[in-house]
Amino acid sequence: MKKGIHPEYHEINVTMTDGKTVKMYSSVKKDLVLSTDNLNHSAWTGQRSNAGEKGRRTAEFKKKFAGFGF
């Protein structure tokens, strides 16, 4: 690898949604708090939190932007 072109890595704490903290290395210099991870994301849990909302969300969008002719 070429020297001097890669970012420096620092040890950070990543806080999961259940409160568990994991140490990782990152070029970001601050600790991270996740709002989505494998404990609550539908890709891992198999549950769809927005099922049945499509019609409601479309109606809200049309109401909000009715003046634009959508």
N, C-alpha and C. Protein backbone atom coordinates (compact mmCIF):
# COMPACT_ATOMS: atom_id res chain seq x y z
N MET A 1 0.83 -1.18 0.00
CA MET A 1 0.00 0.00 0.00
C MET A 1 0.87 1.25 0.00
N LYS A 2 0.37 2.28 -0.64
CA LYS A 2 1.08 3.55 -0.62
C LYS A 2 0.99 4.18 0.75
N LYS A 3 2.06 4.77 1.19
CA LYS A 3 2.07 5.43 2.49
C LYS A 3 1.55 6.86 2.36
N GLY A 4 0.84 7.30 3.39
CA GLY A 4 0.39 8.69 3.45
C GLY A 4 -0.91 8.99 2.73
N ILE A 5 -1.58 7.99 2.13
CA ILE A 5 -2.83 8.29 1.43
C ILE A 5 -4.05 7.72 2.14
N HIS A 6 -3.85 6.89 3.15
CA HIS A 6 -4.97 6.27 3.84
C HIS A 6 -5.28 7.04 5.12
N PRO A 7 -6.57 7.09 5.49
CA PRO A 7 -6.92 7.82 6.72
C PRO A 7 -6.44 7.06 7.95
N GLU A 8 -6.27 7.79 9.04
CA GLU A 8 -5.89 7.18 10.30
C GLU A 8 -7.14 6.54 10.93
N TYR A 9 -6.95 5.40 11.54
CA TYR A 9 -8.05 4.71 12.19
C TYR A 9 -7.93 4.87 13.70
N HIS A 10 -9.09 5.06 14.34
CA HIS A 10 -9.16 5.27 15.77
C HIS A 10 -10.13 4.25 16.36
N GLU A 11 -9.91 3.87 17.59
CA GLU A 11 -10.85 2.99 18.27
C GLU A 11 -12.02 3.83 18.77
N ILE A 12 -13.24 3.42 18.44
CA ILE A 12 -14.45 4.14 18.86
C ILE A 12 -15.40 3.15 19.52
N ASN A 13 -16.38 3.68 20.23
CA ASN A 13 -17.45 2.88 20.81
C ASN A 13 -18.69 3.05 19.96
N VAL A 14 -19.31 1.93 19.58
CA VAL A 14 -20.55 1.95 18.83
C VAL A 14 -21.63 1.39 19.75
N THR A 15 -22.66 2.21 20.03
CA THR A 15 -23.74 1.80 20.91
C THR A 15 -24.89 1.28 20.06
N MET A 16 -25.26 0.03 20.30
CA MET A 16 -26.34 -0.62 19.56
C MET A 16 -27.68 -0.15 20.11
N THR A 17 -28.77 -0.53 19.45
CA THR A 17 -30.10 -0.09 19.87
C THR A 17 -30.53 -0.67 21.21
N ASP A 18 -29.95 -1.81 21.61
CA ASP A 18 -30.29 -2.40 22.90
C ASP A 18 -29.41 -1.87 24.04
N GLY A 19 -28.51 -0.93 23.73
CA GLY A 19 -27.65 -0.32 24.74
C GLY A 19 -26.28 -0.96 24.85
N LYS A 20 -26.07 -2.09 24.19
CA LYS A 20 -24.77 -2.76 24.23
C LYS A 20 -23.75 -1.92 23.47
N THR A 21 -22.54 -1.84 24.01
CA THR A 21 -21.47 -1.06 23.38
C THR A 21 -20.42 -2.01 22.81
N VAL A 22 -20.00 -1.73 21.57
CA VAL A 22 -19.01 -2.54 20.88
C VAL A 22 -17.86 -1.63 20.49
N LYS A 23 -16.64 -2.08 20.69
CA LYS A 23 -15.48 -1.31 20.25
C LYS A 23 -15.14 -1.68 18.81
N MET A 24 -14.93 -0.66 17.98
CA MET A 24 -14.58 -0.86 16.57
C MET A 24 -13.53 0.16 16.19
N TYR A 25 -12.97 -0.03 15.02
CA TYR A 25 -12.03 0.94 14.48
C TYR A 25 -12.69 1.66 13.31
N SER A 26 -12.46 2.97 13.24
CA SER A 26 -13.08 3.79 12.22
C SER A 26 -12.21 5.01 11.95
N SER A 27 -12.38 5.59 10.76
CA SER A 27 -11.70 6.84 10.47
C SER A 27 -12.47 8.02 11.06
N VAL A 28 -13.69 7.77 11.53
CA VAL A 28 -14.48 8.78 12.23
C VAL A 28 -13.94 8.86 13.65
N LYS A 29 -13.75 10.06 14.16
CA LYS A 29 -13.10 10.22 15.46
C LYS A 29 -14.07 10.30 16.63
N LYS A 30 -15.36 10.08 16.39
CA LYS A 30 -16.30 10.18 17.50
C LYS A 30 -17.07 8.87 17.66
N ASP A 31 -17.60 8.67 18.85
CA ASP A 31 -18.40 7.48 19.12
C ASP A 31 -19.73 7.56 18.36
N LEU A 32 -20.28 6.41 18.00
CA LEU A 32 -21.53 6.36 17.24
C LEU A 32 -22.63 5.72 18.07
N VAL A 33 -23.85 6.23 17.91
CA VAL A 33 -25.04 5.63 18.52
C VAL A 33 -25.97 5.28 17.37
N LEU A 34 -26.24 3.99 17.20
CA LEU A 34 -27.04 3.53 16.08
C LEU A 34 -28.53 3.65 16.37
N SER A 35 -29.30 4.06 15.37
CA SER A 35 -30.75 4.08 15.49
C SER A 35 -31.35 2.85 14.81
N THR A 36 -30.58 2.19 13.94
CA THR A 36 -31.00 0.98 13.26
C THR A 36 -29.84 0.02 13.23
N ASP A 37 -30.10 -1.22 13.59
CA ASP A 37 -29.09 -2.27 13.49
C ASP A 37 -29.78 -3.61 13.27
N ASN A 38 -29.04 -4.70 13.37
CA ASN A 38 -29.63 -6.00 13.07
C ASN A 38 -30.67 -6.43 14.10
N LEU A 39 -30.81 -5.73 15.20
CA LEU A 39 -31.81 -6.08 16.20
C LEU A 39 -33.19 -5.53 15.87
N ASN A 40 -33.27 -4.48 15.06
CA ASN A 40 -34.58 -3.88 14.79
C ASN A 40 -34.85 -3.61 13.31
N HIS A 41 -33.93 -3.95 12.41
CA HIS A 41 -34.13 -3.69 10.99
C HIS A 41 -34.90 -4.85 10.37
N SER A 42 -35.87 -4.55 9.53
CA SER A 42 -36.74 -5.58 8.95
C SER A 42 -35.98 -6.58 8.08
N ALA A 43 -34.83 -6.22 7.55
CA ALA A 43 -34.06 -7.16 6.75
C ALA A 43 -33.57 -8.34 7.59
N TRP A 44 -33.34 -8.13 8.87
CA TRP A 44 -32.87 -9.20 9.76
C TRP A 44 -34.00 -9.79 10.59
N THR A 45 -34.99 -8.99 10.95
CA THR A 45 -36.06 -9.49 11.82
C THR A 45 -37.16 -10.18 11.04
N GLY A 46 -37.31 -9.87 9.76
CA GLY A 46 -38.37 -10.46 8.96
C GLY A 46 -39.71 -9.78 9.13
N GLN A 47 -39.79 -8.76 9.96
CA GLN A 47 -41.03 -8.04 10.18
C GLN A 47 -41.02 -6.76 9.37
N ARG A 48 -42.17 -6.43 8.81
CA ARG A 48 -42.27 -5.18 8.06
C ARG A 48 -43.06 -4.19 8.89
N SER A 49 -42.37 -3.17 9.36
CA SER A 49 -43.04 -2.18 10.21
C SER A 49 -43.92 -1.22 9.42
N ASN A 50 -43.69 -1.11 8.11
CA ASN A 50 -44.47 -0.16 7.32
C ASN A 50 -45.52 -0.86 6.46
N ALA A 51 -45.82 -2.12 6.73
CA ALA A 51 -46.84 -2.83 5.96
C ALA A 51 -48.19 -2.15 6.18
N GLY A 52 -48.91 -1.90 5.12
CA GLY A 52 -50.21 -1.27 5.21
C GLY A 52 -50.17 0.24 5.24
N GLU A 53 -49.00 0.82 5.27
CA GLU A 53 -48.88 2.28 5.32
C GLU A 53 -48.79 2.91 3.94
N LYS A 54 -48.60 2.11 2.91
CA LYS A 54 -48.36 2.67 1.58
C LYS A 54 -49.50 3.57 1.12
N GLY A 55 -50.73 3.13 1.26
CA GLY A 55 -51.87 3.94 0.84
C GLY A 55 -52.00 5.22 1.64
N ARG A 56 -51.77 5.12 2.94
CA ARG A 56 -51.87 6.30 3.81
C ARG A 56 -50.77 7.30 3.47
N ARG A 57 -49.56 6.80 3.25
CA ARG A 57 -48.45 7.71 2.96
C ARG A 57 -48.63 8.38 1.60
N THR A 58 -49.18 7.66 0.64
CA THR A 58 -49.44 8.25 -0.67
C THR A 58 -50.49 9.34 -0.56
N ALA A 59 -51.55 9.09 0.22
CA ALA A 59 -52.59 10.09 0.41
C ALA A 59 -52.04 11.34 1.09
N GLU A 60 -51.17 11.16 2.10
CA GLU A 60 -50.56 12.31 2.77
C GLU A 60 -49.70 13.12 1.82
N PHE A 61 -48.95 12.42 0.95
CA PHE A 61 -48.10 13.11 -0.02
C PHE A 61 -48.96 13.93 -0.98
N LYS A 62 -50.00 13.32 -1.50
CA LYS A 62 -50.87 14.03 -2.46
C LYS A 62 -51.54 15.23 -1.81
N LYS A 63 -51.93 15.08 -0.54
CA LYS A 63 -52.57 16.19 0.18
C LYS A 63 -51.56 17.33 0.39
N LYS A 64 -50.34 16.97 0.78
CA LYS A 64 -49.32 17.96 1.08
C LYS A 64 -48.91 18.75 -0.16
N PHE A 65 -48.83 18.05 -1.32
CA PHE A 65 -48.36 18.69 -2.54
C PHE A 65 -49.46 18.83 -3.58
N ALA A 66 -50.70 18.98 -3.15
CA ALA A 66 -51.85 19.07 -4.06
C ALA A 66 -51.71 20.25 -5.02
N GLY A 67 -51.15 21.34 -4.58
CA GLY A 67 -51.03 22.54 -5.41
C GLY A 67 -50.03 22.40 -6.54
N PHE A 68 -49.19 21.37 -6.50
CA PHE A 68 -48.17 21.18 -7.53
C PHE A 68 -48.67 20.33 -8.68
N GLY A 69 -49.88 19.77 -8.59
CA GLY A 69 -50.45 19.00 -9.67
C GLY A 69 -49.97 17.57 -9.78
N PHE A 70 -49.59 16.96 -8.66
CA PHE A 70 -49.16 15.56 -8.69
C PHE A 70 -50.34 14.63 -8.81
